[in-house]
Amino acid sequence: PELAAACEVWKEIKFEFETIDTV
């Protein structure tokens, strides 16, 4: 469960980072 939660958080962070990098 913890690993899955961490993965979800990481994907959100990565998505935000990619969005900022694009802009």
PDB file of N, CA and C in Angstrom:
ATOM      1  N   PRO A   1       0.829  -1.224   0.000  1.00  0.00           N
ATOM      2  CA  PRO A   1       0.000   0.000   0.000  1.00  0.00           C
ATOM      3  C   PRO A   1       0.855   1.262   0.000  1.00  0.00           C
ATOM      4  N   GLU A   2       1.889   1.258   0.834  1.00  0.00           N
ATOM      5  CA  GLU A   2       2.742   2.449   0.918  1.00  0.00           C
ATOM      6  C   GLU A   2       3.441   2.687  -0.422  1.00  0.00           C
ATOM      7  N   LEU A   3       3.913   1.601  -1.034  1.00  0.00           N
ATOM      8  CA  LEU A   3       4.613   1.733  -2.308  1.00  0.00           C
ATOM      9  C   LEU A   3       3.667   2.275  -3.374  1.00  0.00           C
ATOM     10  N   ALA A   4       2.446   1.777  -3.375  1.00  0.00           N
ATOM     11  CA  ALA A   4       1.463   2.237  -4.360  1.00  0.00           C
ATOM     12  C   ALA A   4       1.166   3.721  -4.146  1.00  0.00           C
ATOM     13  N   ALA A   5       1.033   4.117  -2.886  1.00  0.00           N
ATOM     14  CA  ALA A   5       0.746   5.515  -2.575  1.00  0.00           C
ATOM     15  C   ALA A   5       1.913   6.389  -3.025  1.00  0.00           C
ATOM     16  N   ALA A   6       3.119   5.933  -2.762  1.00  0.00           N
ATOM     17  CA  ALA A   6       4.305   6.698  -3.141  1.00  0.00           C
ATOM     18  C   ALA A   6       4.367   6.822  -4.663  1.00  0.00           C
ATOM     19  N   CYS A   7       3.987   5.767  -5.356  1.00  0.00           N
ATOM     20  CA  CYS A   7       4.011   5.782  -6.820  1.00  0.00           C
ATOM     21  C   CYS A   7       3.015   6.806  -7.338  1.00  0.00           C
ATOM     22  N   GLU A   8       1.837   6.853  -6.738  1.00  0.00           N
ATOM     23  CA  GLU A   8       0.809   7.809  -7.150  1.00  0.00           C
ATOM     24  C   GLU A   8       1.306   9.233  -6.933  1.00  0.00           C
ATOM     25  N   VAL A   9       1.916   9.467  -5.772  1.00  0.00           N
ATOM     26  CA  VAL A   9       2.430  10.803  -5.460  1.00  0.00           C
ATOM     27  C   VAL A   9       3.531  11.175  -6.441  1.00  0.00           C
ATOM     28  N   TRP A  10       4.417  10.228  -6.753  1.00  0.00           N
ATOM     29  CA  TRP A  10       5.527  10.490  -7.668  1.00  0.00           C
ATOM     30  C   TRP A  10       5.001  10.846  -9.053  1.00  0.00           C
ATOM     31  N   LYS A  11       3.954  10.123  -9.495  1.00  0.00           N
ATOM     32  CA  LYS A  11       3.398  10.402 -10.821  1.00  0.00           C
ATOM     33  C   LYS A  11       2.796  11.800 -10.853  1.00  0.00           C
ATOM     34  N   GLU A  12       2.162  12.206  -9.765  1.00  0.00           N
ATOM     35  CA  GLU A  12       1.578  13.549  -9.718  1.00  0.00           C
ATOM     36  C   GLU A  12       2.681  14.594  -9.769  1.00  0.00           C
ATOM     37  N   ILE A  13       3.748  14.357  -9.001  1.00  0.00           N
ATOM     38  CA  ILE A  13       4.862  15.303  -8.975  1.00  0.00           C
ATOM     39  C   ILE A  13       5.515  15.371 -10.350  1.00  0.00           C
ATOM     40  N   LYS A  14       5.718  14.222 -10.974  1.00  0.00           N
ATOM     41  CA  LYS A  14       6.352  14.185 -12.297  1.00  0.00           C
ATOM     42  C   LYS A  14       5.485  14.919 -13.309  1.00  0.00           C
ATOM     43  N   PHE A  15       4.160  14.713 -13.227  1.00  0.00           N
ATOM     44  CA  PHE A  15       3.243  15.376 -14.151  1.00  0.00           C
ATOM     45  C   PHE A  15       3.338  16.891 -13.981  1.00  0.00           C
ATOM     46  N   GLU A  16       3.344  17.349 -12.740  1.00  0.00           N
ATOM     47  CA  GLU A  16       3.441  18.781 -12.462  1.00  0.00           C
ATOM     48  C   GLU A  16       4.766  19.320 -12.988  1.00  0.00           C
ATOM     49  N   PHE A  17       5.844  18.574 -12.773  1.00  0.00           N
ATOM     50  CA  PHE A  17       7.163  19.017 -13.209  1.00  0.00           C
ATOM     51  C   PHE A  17       7.218  19.127 -14.729  1.00  0.00           C
ATOM     52  N   GLU A  18       6.654  18.129 -15.412  1.00  0.00           N
ATOM     53  CA  GLU A  18       6.663  18.150 -16.875  1.00  0.00           C
ATOM     54  C   GLU A  18       5.838  19.324 -17.391  1.00  0.00           C
ATOM     55  N   THR A  19       4.729  19.606 -16.725  1.00  0.00           N
ATOM     56  CA  THR A  19       3.876  20.719 -17.139  1.00  0.00           C
ATOM     57  C   THR A  19       4.627  22.036 -16.985  1.00  0.00           C
ATOM     58  N   ILE A  20       5.297  22.213 -15.869  1.00  0.00           N
ATOM     59  CA  ILE A  20       6.055  23.443 -15.621  1.00  0.00           C
ATOM     60  C   ILE A  20       7.207  23.547 -16.612  1.00  0.00           C
ATOM     61  N   ASP A  21       7.874  22.436 -16.890  1.00  0.00           N
ATOM     62  CA  ASP A  21       9.011  22.436 -17.799  1.00  0.00           C
ATOM     63  C   ASP A  21       8.552  22.817 -19.207  1.00  0.00           C
ATOM     64  N   THR A  22       7.355  22.380 -19.578  1.00  0.00           N
ATOM     65  CA  THR A  22       6.833  22.698 -20.912  1.00  0.00           C
ATOM     66  C   THR A  22       6.528  24.184 -21.013  1.00  0.00           C
ATOM     67  N   VAL A  23       5.956  24.730 -19.958  1.00  0.00           N
ATOM     68  CA  VAL A  23       5.624  26.149 -19.962  1.00  0.00           C
ATOM     69  C   VAL A  23       6.922  26.938 -19.783  1.00  0.00           C
TER      70      VAL A  23
END
